Protein backbone atom coordinates (compact mmCIF):
# COMPACT_ATOMS: atom_id res chain seq x y z
CA MET A 1 131.58 107.19 99.47
CA ILE A 2 128.60 109.67 100.27
CA ARG A 3 127.63 112.51 98.07
CA THR A 4 125.94 115.58 98.81
CA ASN A 5 123.07 116.89 97.09
CA ARG A 6 122.16 120.45 97.43
CA ARG A 7 118.53 119.66 97.83
CA THR A 8 117.77 116.05 99.07
CA GLY A 9 120.97 115.90 101.58
CA PRO A 10 123.40 113.07 101.54
CA THR A 11 122.89 110.74 98.86
CA HIS A 12 124.34 107.07 98.54
CA PRO A 13 125.02 106.14 94.29
CA GLY A 14 123.23 103.24 93.47
CA ARG A 15 123.17 102.14 96.54
CA PHE A 16 118.97 102.42 97.16
CA ARG A 17 117.88 102.87 93.47
CA PRO A 18 116.65 99.17 93.09
CA LEU A 19 114.74 99.53 95.99
CA LEU A 20 113.14 102.33 95.02
CA ARG A 21 112.28 101.68 91.57
CA ASP A 22 110.78 98.40 92.51
CA ASP A 23 106.99 98.26 93.39
CA ARG A 24 106.03 94.81 93.81
CA GLY A 25 103.82 94.61 96.60
CA ALA A 26 102.35 97.85 96.85
CA ALA A 27 99.46 97.08 95.23
CA THR A 28 98.84 94.17 97.85
CA ALA A 29 99.78 96.57 100.58
CA GLU A 30 97.15 99.42 99.32
CA TYR A 31 94.39 96.62 99.11
CA ALA A 32 95.44 96.04 103.24
CA VAL A 33 94.95 99.10 103.80
CA ALA A 34 91.60 99.82 102.33
CA THR A 35 90.82 96.47 103.64
CA LEU A 36 91.37 97.26 107.39
CA ALA A 37 90.22 100.85 106.88
CA ALA A 38 86.38 98.98 105.95
CA VAL A 39 86.92 96.63 108.66
CA GLY A 40 87.14 99.64 111.08
CA PHE A 41 84.44 101.37 109.39
CA ALA A 42 81.85 98.30 109.85
CA GLY A 43 82.88 98.12 113.23
CA LEU A 44 81.78 101.58 113.84
CA LEU A 45 78.68 100.95 112.46
CA VAL A 46 78.13 97.66 114.23
CA VAL A 47 78.50 100.18 117.30
CA ILE A 48 76.37 102.69 116.02
CA MET A 49 73.61 100.16 114.98
CA ARG A 50 73.38 98.58 118.32
CA SER A 51 71.90 101.79 119.73
CA ASP A 52 68.26 101.84 120.08
CA GLU A 53 67.70 105.20 119.48
CA VAL A 54 69.20 104.98 116.13
CA ARG A 55 68.06 101.83 115.22
CA GLN A 56 64.50 103.44 115.79
CA MET A 57 65.44 106.57 113.55
CA LEU A 58 66.25 104.19 110.77
CA THR A 59 63.23 102.62 111.24
CA ASP A 60 61.05 104.94 111.08
CA VAL A 61 63.32 106.85 107.65
CA VAL A 62 62.73 102.98 105.96
CA ARG A 63 58.96 102.62 107.13
CA THR A 64 58.39 106.44 105.78
CA ALA A 65 59.97 105.68 102.62
CA LEU A 66 57.95 102.71 101.94
CA THR A 67 54.61 103.89 102.83
CA LEU A 68 52.24 105.10 99.76
CA PRO A 69 50.91 108.50 99.65
CA GLY A 70 47.00 108.17 99.85
């Protein structure tokens, strides 16, 4: 028998409750999403770093930062 809740719509008493409360694997899924995001960002950085203009700008920034005033 399907009951209806005014706020959430049709409810199935007890049928999905154990599935909704079981959070095993949630941390693993979060780590997987974060890892995929990090890999995507690293790939984007690799593409950007292959540009000669960007490489020259970063080299100039590092060289300027490491140069002693004098």
